[in-house]
Amino acid sequence: MAGTPRSASSRRAPAKNAVGAKAGTKPARRATRLSVDDWIDASFELMATDGVSGVKITKLCERLEVTKGSFYWHFADIDKLMEAIADKWCDTQNDTVRGLKGLETVEVEQRLQIMAELLIDQRTWAVESAVRDWARNYGKIADAVRELDNRIFEVVQRSLLDLDFDPDEARLRAGILVYSGIGFVHARGSLPTPSAAEVHAMFELLTRH
């Protein structure tokens, strides 16, 4: 089956009619070998529905339609997978931080519009909620979350200063906006989910003189 440990040099072309020659032989479900990123992406999908604790080898194999041998071809154990997931998430957040820095050159109204859009993606909320729970017990993730939150706060505060709010008012309103965003993530599933229109209305309310 694709995904099992097997070097390219050891592969041989099968004899004619060798594949499926026996009655009842099932064909391989996948024609190509999975990559590390395939496993990580599938893990994020599980996180979005089942949380970090839901990332299990058996569930991943069922989702990807492969055997456990495919998993162990890439990872020694589940802990190594979780380390790879953490690395990928931190890299993604570093890209996000760099993107936020780039927003400083964008017109302030458009800047706030872009940030409002970030709060609307429901799948992002689901993964973010799982990752923030994970951060309670994983220092590397906690550091990345902290850096991202602080950078978001800085960009929002800078935007409000650019809208001519005084420093104290800008800091207060930035706090309300950022804490609201974090609250949306943590309250997912227990409180009514704000619509895109409601998120935009909140931004408009808190950025209006």
N, C-alpha and C. Protein backbone atom coordinates (compact mmCIF):
# COMPACT_ATOMS: atom_id res chain seq x y z
N MET A 1 0.84 -1.19 0.00
CA MET A 1 0.00 0.00 0.00
C MET A 1 0.87 1.24 0.00
N ALA A 2 0.41 2.27 -0.71
CA ALA A 2 1.18 3.52 -0.75
C ALA A 2 1.35 4.06 0.65
N GLY A 3 2.54 4.59 0.91
CA GLY A 3 2.79 5.20 2.21
C GLY A 3 3.60 4.30 3.13
N THR A 4 3.76 3.01 2.78
CA THR A 4 4.57 2.14 3.62
C THR A 4 6.03 2.36 3.33
N PRO A 5 6.93 2.17 4.32
CA PRO A 5 8.35 2.43 4.12
C PRO A 5 8.95 1.49 3.09
N ARG A 6 9.39 2.08 2.01
CA ARG A 6 9.94 1.29 0.92
C ARG A 6 10.79 2.19 0.06
N SER A 7 12.07 1.93 -0.08
CA SER A 7 12.95 2.81 -0.84
C SER A 7 12.71 2.66 -2.32
N ALA A 8 13.03 3.74 -3.08
CA ALA A 8 12.80 3.73 -4.51
C ALA A 8 13.64 2.66 -5.19
N SER A 9 14.86 2.42 -4.67
CA SER A 9 15.76 1.46 -5.31
C SER A 9 15.28 0.03 -5.17
N SER A 10 14.40 -0.22 -4.18
CA SER A 10 13.95 -1.59 -3.95
C SER A 10 12.68 -1.93 -4.69
N ARG A 11 12.09 -0.95 -5.39
CA ARG A 11 10.84 -1.20 -6.10
C ARG A 11 11.09 -1.99 -7.37
N ARG A 12 10.22 -2.91 -7.67
CA ARG A 12 10.29 -3.65 -8.90
C ARG A 12 8.95 -3.58 -9.61
N ALA A 13 8.99 -3.57 -10.93
CA ALA A 13 7.74 -3.55 -11.68
C ALA A 13 7.03 -4.87 -11.46
N PRO A 14 5.73 -4.86 -11.12
CA PRO A 14 5.01 -6.10 -10.87
C PRO A 14 4.84 -6.90 -12.15
N ALA A 15 4.84 -8.21 -12.02
CA ALA A 15 4.58 -9.05 -13.18
C ALA A 15 3.15 -8.86 -13.62
N LYS A 16 2.90 -9.15 -14.90
CA LYS A 16 1.55 -8.98 -15.42
C LYS A 16 0.58 -9.83 -14.62
N ASN A 17 -0.57 -9.22 -14.31
CA ASN A 17 -1.65 -9.88 -13.59
C ASN A 17 -1.29 -10.24 -12.15
N ALA A 18 -0.13 -9.74 -11.66
CA ALA A 18 0.24 -10.04 -10.28
C ALA A 18 -0.62 -9.28 -9.31
N VAL A 19 -0.94 -8.02 -9.65
CA VAL A 19 -1.76 -7.21 -8.77
C VAL A 19 -3.20 -7.66 -8.87
N GLY A 20 -3.78 -7.99 -7.73
CA GLY A 20 -5.19 -8.38 -7.74
C GLY A 20 -5.41 -9.76 -8.31
N ALA A 21 -4.36 -10.58 -8.39
CA ALA A 21 -4.50 -11.90 -8.97
C ALA A 21 -5.36 -12.79 -8.10
N LYS A 22 -5.26 -12.59 -6.79
CA LYS A 22 -6.05 -13.41 -5.88
C LYS A 22 -7.46 -12.85 -5.76
N ALA A 23 -8.41 -13.73 -5.67
CA ALA A 23 -9.80 -13.29 -5.53
C ALA A 23 -9.95 -12.55 -4.22
N GLY A 24 -10.64 -11.41 -4.29
CA GLY A 24 -10.92 -10.65 -3.08
C GLY A 24 -9.84 -9.69 -2.69
N THR A 25 -8.73 -9.64 -3.44
CA THR A 25 -7.66 -8.70 -3.12
C THR A 25 -8.15 -7.28 -3.34
N LYS A 26 -7.96 -6.41 -2.36
CA LYS A 26 -8.42 -5.03 -2.46
C LYS A 26 -7.31 -4.14 -3.00
N PRO A 27 -7.65 -3.24 -3.92
CA PRO A 27 -6.63 -2.33 -4.43
C PRO A 27 -6.25 -1.31 -3.37
N ALA A 28 -5.06 -0.75 -3.49
CA ALA A 28 -4.64 0.31 -2.56
C ALA A 28 -5.58 1.48 -2.70
N ARG A 29 -5.91 2.12 -1.60
CA ARG A 29 -6.85 3.22 -1.64
C ARG A 29 -6.23 4.49 -2.18
N ARG A 30 -4.91 4.63 -2.02
CA ARG A 30 -4.23 5.84 -2.51
C ARG A 30 -3.16 5.46 -3.52
N ALA A 31 -3.06 6.27 -4.56
CA ALA A 31 -2.08 5.99 -5.61
C ALA A 31 -0.76 6.69 -5.33
N THR A 32 -0.75 7.65 -4.44
CA THR A 32 0.48 8.40 -4.15
C THR A 32 0.79 8.35 -2.66
N ARG A 33 2.06 8.48 -2.36
CA ARG A 33 2.50 8.47 -0.96
C ARG A 33 2.16 9.80 -0.30
N LEU A 34 1.69 9.74 0.92
CA LEU A 34 1.37 10.96 1.67
C LEU A 34 2.64 11.68 2.08
N SER A 35 2.54 12.99 2.19
CA SER A 35 3.66 13.79 2.67
C SER A 35 3.45 14.14 4.14
N VAL A 36 4.47 14.67 4.77
CA VAL A 36 4.35 15.14 6.15
C VAL A 36 3.25 16.20 6.25
N ASP A 37 3.20 17.10 5.26
CA ASP A 37 2.18 18.15 5.27
C ASP A 37 0.78 17.58 5.19
N ASP A 38 0.60 16.47 4.47
CA ASP A 38 -0.72 15.83 4.41
C ASP A 38 -1.18 15.41 5.80
N TRP A 39 -0.27 14.84 6.57
CA TRP A 39 -0.60 14.42 7.93
C TRP A 39 -0.89 15.62 8.83
N ILE A 40 -0.10 16.67 8.67
CA ILE A 40 -0.30 17.87 9.50
C ILE A 40 -1.63 18.53 9.15
N ASP A 41 -1.94 18.64 7.86
CA ASP A 41 -3.20 19.26 7.45
C ASP A 41 -4.39 18.47 7.97
N ALA A 42 -4.30 17.15 7.89
CA ALA A 42 -5.39 16.31 8.41
C ALA A 42 -5.52 16.47 9.92
N SER A 43 -4.41 16.68 10.59
CA SER A 43 -4.44 16.90 12.04
C SER A 43 -5.14 18.20 12.38
N PHE A 44 -4.89 19.25 11.60
CA PHE A 44 -5.59 20.52 11.83
C PHE A 44 -7.10 20.36 11.61
N GLU A 45 -7.47 19.55 10.63
CA GLU A 45 -8.90 19.30 10.39
C GLU A 45 -9.53 18.60 11.59
N LEU A 46 -8.81 17.65 12.17
CA LEU A 46 -9.32 16.98 13.37
C LEU A 46 -9.39 17.94 14.55
N MET A 47 -8.39 18.80 14.68
CA MET A 47 -8.41 19.80 15.75
C MET A 47 -9.65 20.67 15.65
N ALA A 48 -10.02 21.04 14.43
CA ALA A 48 -11.16 21.94 14.23
C ALA A 48 -12.46 21.31 14.70
N THR A 49 -12.55 19.98 14.64
CA THR A 49 -13.80 19.31 15.03
C THR A 49 -13.73 18.67 16.42
N ASP A 50 -12.55 18.13 16.78
CA ASP A 50 -12.44 17.35 18.00
C ASP A 50 -11.46 17.90 19.03
N GLY A 51 -10.80 19.03 18.71
CA GLY A 51 -9.82 19.58 19.63
C GLY A 51 -8.48 18.84 19.53
N VAL A 52 -7.50 19.32 20.27
CA VAL A 52 -6.16 18.72 20.22
C VAL A 52 -6.20 17.26 20.68
N SER A 53 -7.00 16.97 21.69
CA SER A 53 -7.07 15.60 22.20
C SER A 53 -7.65 14.63 21.18
N GLY A 54 -8.31 15.17 20.15
CA GLY A 54 -8.91 14.33 19.12
C GLY A 54 -7.93 13.88 18.06
N VAL A 55 -6.71 14.39 18.11
CA VAL A 55 -5.70 14.00 17.11
C VAL A 55 -5.11 12.65 17.53
N LYS A 56 -5.63 11.59 16.94
CA LYS A 56 -5.20 10.23 17.24
C LYS A 56 -4.74 9.55 15.95
N ILE A 57 -3.80 8.64 16.08
CA ILE A 57 -3.28 7.95 14.91
C ILE A 57 -4.38 7.21 14.17
N THR A 58 -5.23 6.50 14.91
CA THR A 58 -6.30 5.73 14.27
C THR A 58 -7.25 6.63 13.49
N LYS A 59 -7.64 7.75 14.08
CA LYS A 59 -8.55 8.68 13.41
C LYS A 59 -7.91 9.26 12.15
N LEU A 60 -6.64 9.59 12.24
CA LEU A 60 -5.94 10.16 11.09
C LEU A 60 -5.86 9.14 9.95
N CYS A 61 -5.56 7.90 10.29
CA CYS A 61 -5.47 6.86 9.26
C CYS A 61 -6.82 6.63 8.59
N GLU A 62 -7.89 6.67 9.38
CA GLU A 62 -9.23 6.53 8.80
C GLU A 62 -9.54 7.69 7.86
N ARG A 63 -9.20 8.90 8.29
CA ARG A 63 -9.48 10.09 7.48
C ARG A 63 -8.68 10.06 6.17
N LEU A 64 -7.44 9.62 6.26
CA LEU A 64 -6.57 9.62 5.08
C LEU A 64 -6.62 8.31 4.30
N GLU A 65 -7.36 7.33 4.84
CA GLU A 65 -7.54 6.04 4.18
C GLU A 65 -6.22 5.32 3.93
N VAL A 66 -5.42 5.23 4.99
CA VAL A 66 -4.14 4.53 4.92
C VAL A 66 -3.97 3.67 6.18
N THR A 67 -2.96 2.84 6.17
CA THR A 67 -2.66 2.02 7.34
C THR A 67 -1.75 2.78 8.30
N LYS A 68 -1.60 2.24 9.49
CA LYS A 68 -0.71 2.87 10.47
C LYS A 68 0.74 2.84 10.01
N GLY A 69 1.06 1.91 9.12
CA GLY A 69 2.42 1.86 8.59
C GLY A 69 2.79 3.14 7.88
N SER A 70 1.80 3.76 7.24
CA SER A 70 2.03 5.03 6.56
C SER A 70 2.38 6.12 7.56
N PHE A 71 1.69 6.12 8.70
CA PHE A 71 1.98 7.10 9.74
C PHE A 71 3.41 6.93 10.25
N TYR A 72 3.78 5.68 10.57
CA TYR A 72 5.10 5.44 11.16
C TYR A 72 6.23 5.59 10.15
N TRP A 73 5.90 5.69 8.88
CA TRP A 73 6.91 6.00 7.87
C TRP A 73 7.42 7.43 8.08
N HIS A 74 6.53 8.32 8.57
CA HIS A 74 6.88 9.73 8.73
C HIS A 74 7.21 10.12 10.18
N PHE A 75 6.55 9.46 11.15
CA PHE A 75 6.68 9.88 12.55
C PHE A 75 6.96 8.68 13.44
N ALA A 76 7.85 8.88 14.40
CA ALA A 76 8.18 7.80 15.34
C ALA A 76 6.99 7.48 16.24
N ASP A 77 6.24 8.51 16.62
CA ASP A 77 5.08 8.33 17.49
C ASP A 77 4.21 9.58 17.41
N ILE A 78 3.12 9.60 18.17
CA ILE A 78 2.18 10.72 18.13
C ILE A 78 2.84 12.00 18.63
N ASP A 79 3.78 11.89 19.57
CA ASP A 79 4.45 13.08 20.09
C ASP A 79 5.25 13.79 18.99
N LYS A 80 5.88 13.01 18.11
CA LYS A 80 6.64 13.61 17.01
C LYS A 80 5.70 14.32 16.04
N LEU A 81 4.52 13.76 15.83
CA LEU A 81 3.53 14.44 14.99
C LEU A 81 3.12 15.76 15.63
N MET A 82 2.86 15.74 16.94
CA MET A 82 2.43 16.96 17.62
C MET A 82 3.52 18.03 17.56
N GLU A 83 4.78 17.62 17.63
CA GLU A 83 5.89 18.58 17.49
C GLU A 83 5.87 19.20 16.09
N ALA A 84 5.61 18.37 15.08
CA ALA A 84 5.56 18.88 13.70
C ALA A 84 4.38 19.83 13.52
N ILE A 85 3.25 19.51 14.15
CA ILE A 85 2.08 20.39 14.08
C ILE A 85 2.41 21.73 14.73
N ALA A 86 3.06 21.68 15.89
CA ALA A 86 3.43 22.91 16.59
C ALA A 86 4.36 23.76 15.73
N ASP A 87 5.34 23.11 15.10
CA ASP A 87 6.27 23.85 14.24
C ASP A 87 5.54 24.52 13.09
N LYS A 88 4.61 23.78 12.48
CA LYS A 88 3.87 24.32 11.33
C LYS A 88 3.00 25.49 11.77
N TRP A 89 2.33 25.34 12.91
CA TRP A 89 1.45 26.41 13.37
C TRP A 89 2.26 27.66 13.71
N CYS A 90 3.40 27.47 14.37
CA CYS A 90 4.25 28.62 14.72
C CYS A 90 4.77 29.31 13.46
N ASP A 91 5.16 28.53 12.46
CA ASP A 91 5.61 29.13 11.20
C ASP A 91 4.49 29.95 10.56
N THR A 92 3.28 29.40 10.60
CA THR A 92 2.13 30.10 10.03
C THR A 92 1.87 31.40 10.77
N GLN A 93 1.97 31.36 12.10
CA GLN A 93 1.74 32.57 12.89
C GLN A 93 2.83 33.61 12.66
N ASN A 94 4.06 33.14 12.43
CA ASN A 94 5.13 34.09 12.09
C ASN A 94 4.83 34.80 10.79
N ASP A 95 4.28 34.05 9.83
CA ASP A 95 3.87 34.67 8.56
C ASP A 95 2.76 35.69 8.80
N THR A 96 1.83 35.34 9.71
CA THR A 96 0.73 36.26 10.03
C THR A 96 1.27 37.54 10.66
N VAL A 97 2.22 37.39 11.58
CA VAL A 97 2.82 38.56 12.23
C VAL A 97 3.49 39.46 11.19
N ARG A 98 4.22 38.83 10.26
CA ARG A 98 4.86 39.63 9.21
C ARG A 98 3.81 40.33 8.35
N GLY A 99 2.69 39.64 8.10
CA GLY A 99 1.61 40.25 7.33
C GLY A 99 0.99 41.43 8.06
N LEU A 100 0.87 41.31 9.38
CA LEU A 100 0.32 42.41 10.17
C LEU A 100 1.24 43.63 10.13
N LYS A 101 2.54 43.38 10.12
CA LYS A 101 3.48 44.50 10.01
C LYS A 101 3.28 45.23 8.69
N GLY A 102 2.99 44.45 7.65
CA GLY A 102 2.77 45.05 6.34
C GLY A 102 1.51 45.89 6.28
N LEU A 103 0.56 45.63 7.18
CA LEU A 103 -0.68 46.40 7.19
C LEU A 103 -0.46 47.86 7.54
N GLU A 104 0.65 48.16 8.18
CA GLU A 104 0.90 49.53 8.62
C GLU A 104 1.00 50.50 7.45
N THR A 105 1.27 49.97 6.26
CA THR A 105 1.38 50.84 5.08
C THR A 105 0.05 50.97 4.35
N VAL A 106 -0.97 50.25 4.82
CA VAL A 106 -2.30 50.27 4.18
C VAL A 106 -3.14 51.37 4.81
N GLU A 107 -4.02 51.97 4.03
CA GLU A 107 -4.93 52.99 4.57
C GLU A 107 -5.68 52.44 5.77
N VAL A 108 -5.88 53.25 6.79
CA VAL A 108 -6.39 52.77 8.06
C VAL A 108 -7.75 52.10 7.93
N GLU A 109 -8.65 52.64 7.11
CA GLU A 109 -9.97 52.03 6.96
C GLU A 109 -9.86 50.62 6.38
N GLN A 110 -9.01 50.48 5.36
CA GLN A 110 -8.81 49.17 4.75
C GLN A 110 -8.12 48.22 5.72
N ARG A 111 -7.21 48.75 6.51
CA ARG A 111 -6.50 47.96 7.51
C ARG A 111 -7.48 47.32 8.48
N LEU A 112 -8.42 48.11 8.98
CA LEU A 112 -9.41 47.61 9.93
C LEU A 112 -10.37 46.63 9.25
N GLN A 113 -10.68 46.87 7.98
CA GLN A 113 -11.54 45.96 7.23
C GLN A 113 -10.89 44.58 7.12
N ILE A 114 -9.60 44.56 6.82
CA ILE A 114 -8.87 43.30 6.70
C ILE A 114 -8.88 42.55 8.03
N MET A 115 -8.68 43.28 9.12
CA MET A 115 -8.64 42.64 10.43
C MET A 115 -10.02 42.12 10.83
N ALA A 116 -11.06 42.82 10.42
CA ALA A 116 -12.42 42.34 10.70
C ALA A 116 -12.67 41.03 9.96
N GLU A 117 -12.16 40.92 8.74
CA GLU A 117 -12.35 39.70 7.95
C GLU A 117 -11.70 38.50 8.64
N LEU A 118 -10.60 38.73 9.35
CA LEU A 118 -9.92 37.64 10.03
C LEU A 118 -10.79 37.01 11.12
N LEU A 119 -11.75 37.78 11.63
CA LEU A 119 -12.61 37.28 12.70
C LEU A 119 -13.81 36.50 12.19
N ILE A 120 -14.00 36.47 10.88
CA ILE A 120 -15.23 35.90 10.33
C ILE A 120 -15.06 34.43 9.94
N ASP A 121 -13.85 34.00 9.65
CA ASP A 121 -13.60 32.64 9.19
C ASP A 121 -13.86 31.64 10.32
N GLN A 122 -14.93 30.85 10.20
CA GLN A 122 -15.33 29.93 11.26
C GLN A 122 -14.31 28.81 11.48
N ARG A 123 -13.69 28.32 10.39
CA ARG A 123 -12.71 27.25 10.56
C ARG A 123 -11.49 27.77 11.32
N THR A 124 -11.11 29.02 11.03
CA THR A 124 -9.99 29.62 11.76
C THR A 124 -10.32 29.68 13.24
N TRP A 125 -11.56 30.05 13.57
CA TRP A 125 -11.98 30.09 14.98
C TRP A 125 -11.81 28.72 15.62
N ALA A 126 -12.24 27.66 14.91
CA ALA A 126 -12.22 26.32 15.47
C ALA A 126 -10.79 25.87 15.77
N VAL A 127 -9.89 26.07 14.81
CA VAL A 127 -8.49 25.68 15.03
C VAL A 127 -7.86 26.56 16.10
N GLU A 128 -8.16 27.86 16.05
CA GLU A 128 -7.60 28.80 17.03
C GLU A 128 -8.00 28.42 18.45
N SER A 129 -9.26 28.03 18.62
CA SER A 129 -9.74 27.63 19.94
C SER A 129 -8.97 26.41 20.45
N ALA A 130 -8.78 25.43 19.58
CA ALA A 130 -8.04 24.22 19.96
C ALA A 130 -6.59 24.54 20.30
N VAL A 131 -5.98 25.39 19.50
CA VAL A 131 -4.57 25.73 19.71
C VAL A 131 -4.39 26.51 21.01
N ARG A 132 -5.32 27.42 21.31
CA ARG A 132 -5.22 28.19 22.56
C ARG A 132 -5.37 27.29 23.78
N ASP A 133 -6.20 26.28 23.68
CA ASP A 133 -6.28 25.31 24.77
C ASP A 133 -4.96 24.55 24.91
N TRP A 134 -4.40 24.20 23.78
CA TRP A 134 -3.12 23.48 23.76
C TRP A 134 -2.01 24.34 24.38
N ALA A 135 -2.08 25.64 24.15
CA ALA A 135 -1.04 26.56 24.65
C ALA A 135 -0.93 26.55 26.17
N ARG A 136 -1.97 26.11 26.86
CA ARG A 136 -1.93 26.07 28.33
C ARG A 136 -0.84 25.10 28.82
N ASN A 137 -0.53 24.10 27.99
CA ASN A 137 0.42 23.07 28.43
C ASN A 137 1.62 22.91 27.50
N TYR A 138 1.74 23.79 26.52
CA TYR A 138 2.83 23.67 25.54
C TYR A 138 3.47 25.04 25.37
N GLY A 139 4.68 25.20 25.93
CA GLY A 139 5.34 26.50 25.97
C GLY A 139 5.57 27.12 24.61
N LYS A 140 5.96 26.32 23.63
CA LYS A 140 6.26 26.86 22.30
C LYS A 140 5.02 27.48 21.68
N ILE A 141 3.89 26.79 21.81
CA ILE A 141 2.63 27.32 21.28
C ILE A 141 2.22 28.56 22.06
N ALA A 142 2.39 28.53 23.38
CA ALA A 142 2.03 29.68 24.22
C ALA A 142 2.81 30.92 23.80
N ASP A 143 4.10 30.75 23.51
CA ASP A 143 4.93 31.89 23.09
C ASP A 143 4.43 32.47 21.77
N ALA A 144 4.07 31.59 20.83
CA ALA A 144 3.59 32.05 19.53
C ALA A 144 2.25 32.78 19.66
N VAL A 145 1.36 32.25 20.50
CA VAL A 145 0.06 32.89 20.73
C VAL A 145 0.26 34.26 21.35
N ARG A 146 1.15 34.34 22.33
CA ARG A 146 1.42 35.61 23.02
C ARG A 146 1.96 36.65 22.05
N GLU A 147 2.90 36.24 21.20
CA GLU A 147 3.48 37.18 20.24
C GLU A 147 2.43 37.68 19.25
N LEU A 148 1.59 36.76 18.78
CA LEU A 148 0.56 37.16 17.83
C LEU A 148 -0.44 38.11 18.47
N ASP A 149 -0.89 37.81 19.69
CA ASP A 149 -1.86 38.67 20.37
C ASP A 149 -1.30 40.08 20.57
N ASN A 150 -0.05 40.15 20.98
CA ASN A 150 0.56 41.46 21.20
C ASN A 150 0.71 42.24 19.90
N ARG A 151 1.04 41.52 18.83
CA ARG A 151 1.18 42.20 17.55
C ARG A 151 -0.16 42.71 17.05
N ILE A 152 -1.21 41.91 17.22
CA ILE A 152 -2.55 42.35 16.82
C ILE A 152 -2.95 43.59 17.60
N PHE A 153 -2.69 43.56 18.91
CA PHE A 153 -3.03 44.72 19.75
C PHE A 153 -2.31 45.97 19.25
N GLU A 154 -1.03 45.83 18.92
CA GLU A 154 -0.25 46.98 18.45
C GLU A 154 -0.83 47.55 17.16
N VAL A 155 -1.20 46.66 16.23
CA VAL A 155 -1.74 47.13 14.95
C VAL A 155 -3.08 47.82 15.14
N VAL A 156 -3.94 47.25 15.98
CA VAL A 156 -5.25 47.87 16.23
C VAL A 156 -5.07 49.22 16.92
N GLN A 157 -4.21 49.27 17.92
CA GLN A 157 -3.97 50.53 18.63
C GLN A 157 -3.40 51.59 17.68
N ARG A 158 -2.46 51.18 16.83
CA ARG A 158 -1.88 52.12 15.86
C ARG A 158 -2.95 52.63 14.89
N SER A 159 -3.86 51.75 14.51
CA SER A 159 -4.94 52.14 13.60
C SER A 159 -5.85 53.19 14.24
N LEU A 160 -6.14 53.00 15.52
CA LEU A 160 -7.00 53.95 16.22
C LEU A 160 -6.30 55.29 16.43
N LEU A 161 -5.00 55.24 16.66
CA LEU A 161 -4.23 56.49 16.73
C LEU A 161 -4.26 57.21 15.39
N ASP A 162 -4.19 56.44 14.31
CA ASP A 162 -4.25 57.03 12.97
C ASP A 162 -5.63 57.63 12.67
N LEU A 163 -6.64 57.17 13.43
CA LEU A 163 -7.98 57.74 13.30
C LEU A 163 -8.17 58.94 14.23
N ASP A 164 -7.06 59.39 14.83
CA ASP A 164 -7.04 60.59 15.68
C ASP A 164 -7.68 60.41 17.05
N PHE A 165 -7.72 59.17 17.55
CA PHE A 165 -8.10 58.98 18.95
C PHE A 165 -6.88 59.31 19.80
N ASP A 166 -7.11 59.86 21.00
CA ASP A 166 -5.97 60.14 21.87
C ASP A 166 -5.42 58.81 22.39
N PRO A 167 -4.17 58.77 22.87
CA PRO A 167 -3.53 57.50 23.25
C PRO A 167 -4.32 56.65 24.24
N ASP A 168 -4.88 57.27 25.28
CA ASP A 168 -5.62 56.49 26.28
C ASP A 168 -6.87 55.87 25.66
N GLU A 169 -7.58 56.66 24.85
CA GLU A 169 -8.80 56.17 24.20
C GLU A 169 -8.46 55.07 23.19
N ALA A 170 -7.36 55.26 22.46
CA ALA A 170 -6.94 54.25 21.47
C ALA A 170 -6.60 52.93 22.16
N ARG A 171 -5.91 53.02 23.28
CA ARG A 171 -5.55 51.81 24.02
C ARG A 171 -6.79 51.10 24.55
N LEU A 172 -7.73 51.86 25.09
CA LEU A 172 -8.96 51.28 25.64
C LEU A 172 -9.75 50.57 24.55
N ARG A 173 -9.95 51.25 23.42
CA ARG A 173 -10.75 50.67 22.34
C ARG A 173 -10.04 49.47 21.69
N ALA A 174 -8.72 49.57 21.59
CA ALA A 174 -7.96 48.44 21.05
C ALA A 174 -8.14 47.21 21.94
N GLY A 175 -8.10 47.43 23.25
CA GLY A 175 -8.30 46.33 24.19
C GLY A 175 -9.66 45.68 24.02
N ILE A 176 -10.70 46.51 23.87
CA ILE A 176 -12.05 45.97 23.69
C ILE A 176 -12.13 45.12 22.42
N LEU A 177 -11.56 45.62 21.33
CA LEU A 177 -11.61 44.90 20.07
C LEU A 177 -10.83 43.58 20.14
N VAL A 178 -9.63 43.64 20.69
CA VAL A 178 -8.80 42.43 20.73
C VAL A 178 -9.38 41.40 21.69
N TYR A 179 -9.81 41.84 22.87
CA TYR A 179 -10.40 40.90 23.81
C TYR A 179 -11.71 40.32 23.28
N SER A 180 -12.44 41.11 22.51
CA SER A 180 -13.66 40.59 21.89
C SER A 180 -13.32 39.47 20.92
N GLY A 181 -12.26 39.68 20.12
CA GLY A 181 -11.85 38.65 19.18
C GLY A 181 -11.46 37.36 19.87
N ILE A 182 -10.70 37.47 20.96
CA ILE A 182 -10.30 36.28 21.72
C ILE A 182 -11.54 35.64 22.35
N GLY A 183 -12.46 36.48 22.81
CA GLY A 183 -13.70 35.96 23.38
C GLY A 183 -14.53 35.20 22.37
N PHE A 184 -14.58 35.68 21.13
CA PHE A 184 -15.30 34.98 20.08
C PHE A 184 -14.77 33.55 19.94
N VAL A 185 -13.44 33.42 20.01
CA VAL A 185 -12.81 32.11 19.85
C VAL A 185 -13.19 31.19 21.00
N HIS A 186 -13.07 31.68 22.24
CA HIS A 186 -13.31 30.83 23.40
C HIS A 186 -14.79 30.52 23.63
N ALA A 187 -15.67 31.42 23.18
CA ALA A 187 -17.10 31.20 23.40
C ALA A 187 -17.75 30.42 22.27
N ARG A 188 -16.94 30.02 21.28
CA ARG A 188 -17.46 29.27 20.14
C ARG A 188 -18.18 28.02 20.61
N GLY A 189 -19.45 27.89 20.18
CA GLY A 189 -20.22 26.71 20.53
C GLY A 189 -21.08 26.87 21.76
N SER A 190 -20.77 27.86 22.61
CA SER A 190 -21.56 28.05 23.83
C SER A 190 -22.39 29.33 23.79
N LEU A 191 -21.99 30.29 22.96
CA LEU A 191 -22.74 31.53 22.79
C LEU A 191 -23.08 31.71 21.32
N PRO A 192 -24.09 32.53 21.01
CA PRO A 192 -24.43 32.77 19.60
C PRO A 192 -23.21 33.28 18.83
N THR A 193 -22.99 32.71 17.66
CA THR A 193 -21.87 33.13 16.82
C THR A 193 -22.22 34.41 16.08
N PRO A 194 -21.41 35.46 16.23
CA PRO A 194 -21.70 36.71 15.53
C PRO A 194 -21.58 36.53 14.02
N SER A 195 -22.47 37.17 13.30
CA SER A 195 -22.42 37.12 11.84
C SER A 195 -21.35 38.08 11.34
N ALA A 196 -21.05 37.97 10.06
CA ALA A 196 -20.07 38.88 9.45
C ALA A 196 -20.53 40.33 9.61
N ALA A 197 -21.84 40.55 9.42
CA ALA A 197 -22.38 41.90 9.54
C ALA A 197 -22.22 42.43 10.96
N GLU A 198 -22.41 41.56 11.96
CA GLU A 198 -22.27 41.99 13.35
C GLU A 198 -20.82 42.30 13.70
N VAL A 199 -19.89 41.52 13.16
CA VAL A 199 -18.47 41.80 13.41
C VAL A 199 -18.09 43.15 12.82
N HIS A 200 -18.54 43.40 11.59
CA HIS A 200 -18.24 44.69 10.95
C HIS A 200 -18.90 45.84 11.72
N ALA A 201 -20.11 45.60 12.24
CA ALA A 201 -20.80 46.64 13.00
C ALA A 201 -20.04 46.96 14.29
N MET A 202 -19.47 45.93 14.92
CA MET A 202 -18.69 46.14 16.13
C MET A 202 -17.45 46.99 15.83
N PHE A 203 -16.76 46.67 14.74
CA PHE A 203 -15.59 47.47 14.36
C PHE A 203 -16.00 48.91 14.07
N GLU A 204 -17.12 49.07 13.38
CA GLU A 204 -17.57 50.43 13.05
C GLU A 204 -17.90 51.21 14.31
N LEU A 205 -18.56 50.55 15.27
CA LEU A 205 -18.94 51.20 16.51
C LEU A 205 -17.72 51.66 17.31
N LEU A 206 -16.70 50.80 17.39
CA LEU A 206 -15.54 51.09 18.23
C LEU A 206 -14.47 51.93 17.53
N THR A 207 -14.66 52.20 16.26
CA THR A 207 -13.69 53.06 15.55
C THR A 207 -14.32 54.39 15.16
N ARG A 208 -15.54 54.61 15.66
CA ARG A 208 -16.25 55.86 15.34
C ARG A 208 -16.06 56.86 16.48
N HIS A 209 -15.82 58.12 16.13
CA HIS A 209 -15.68 59.19 17.14
C HIS A 209 -17.07 59.58 17.67
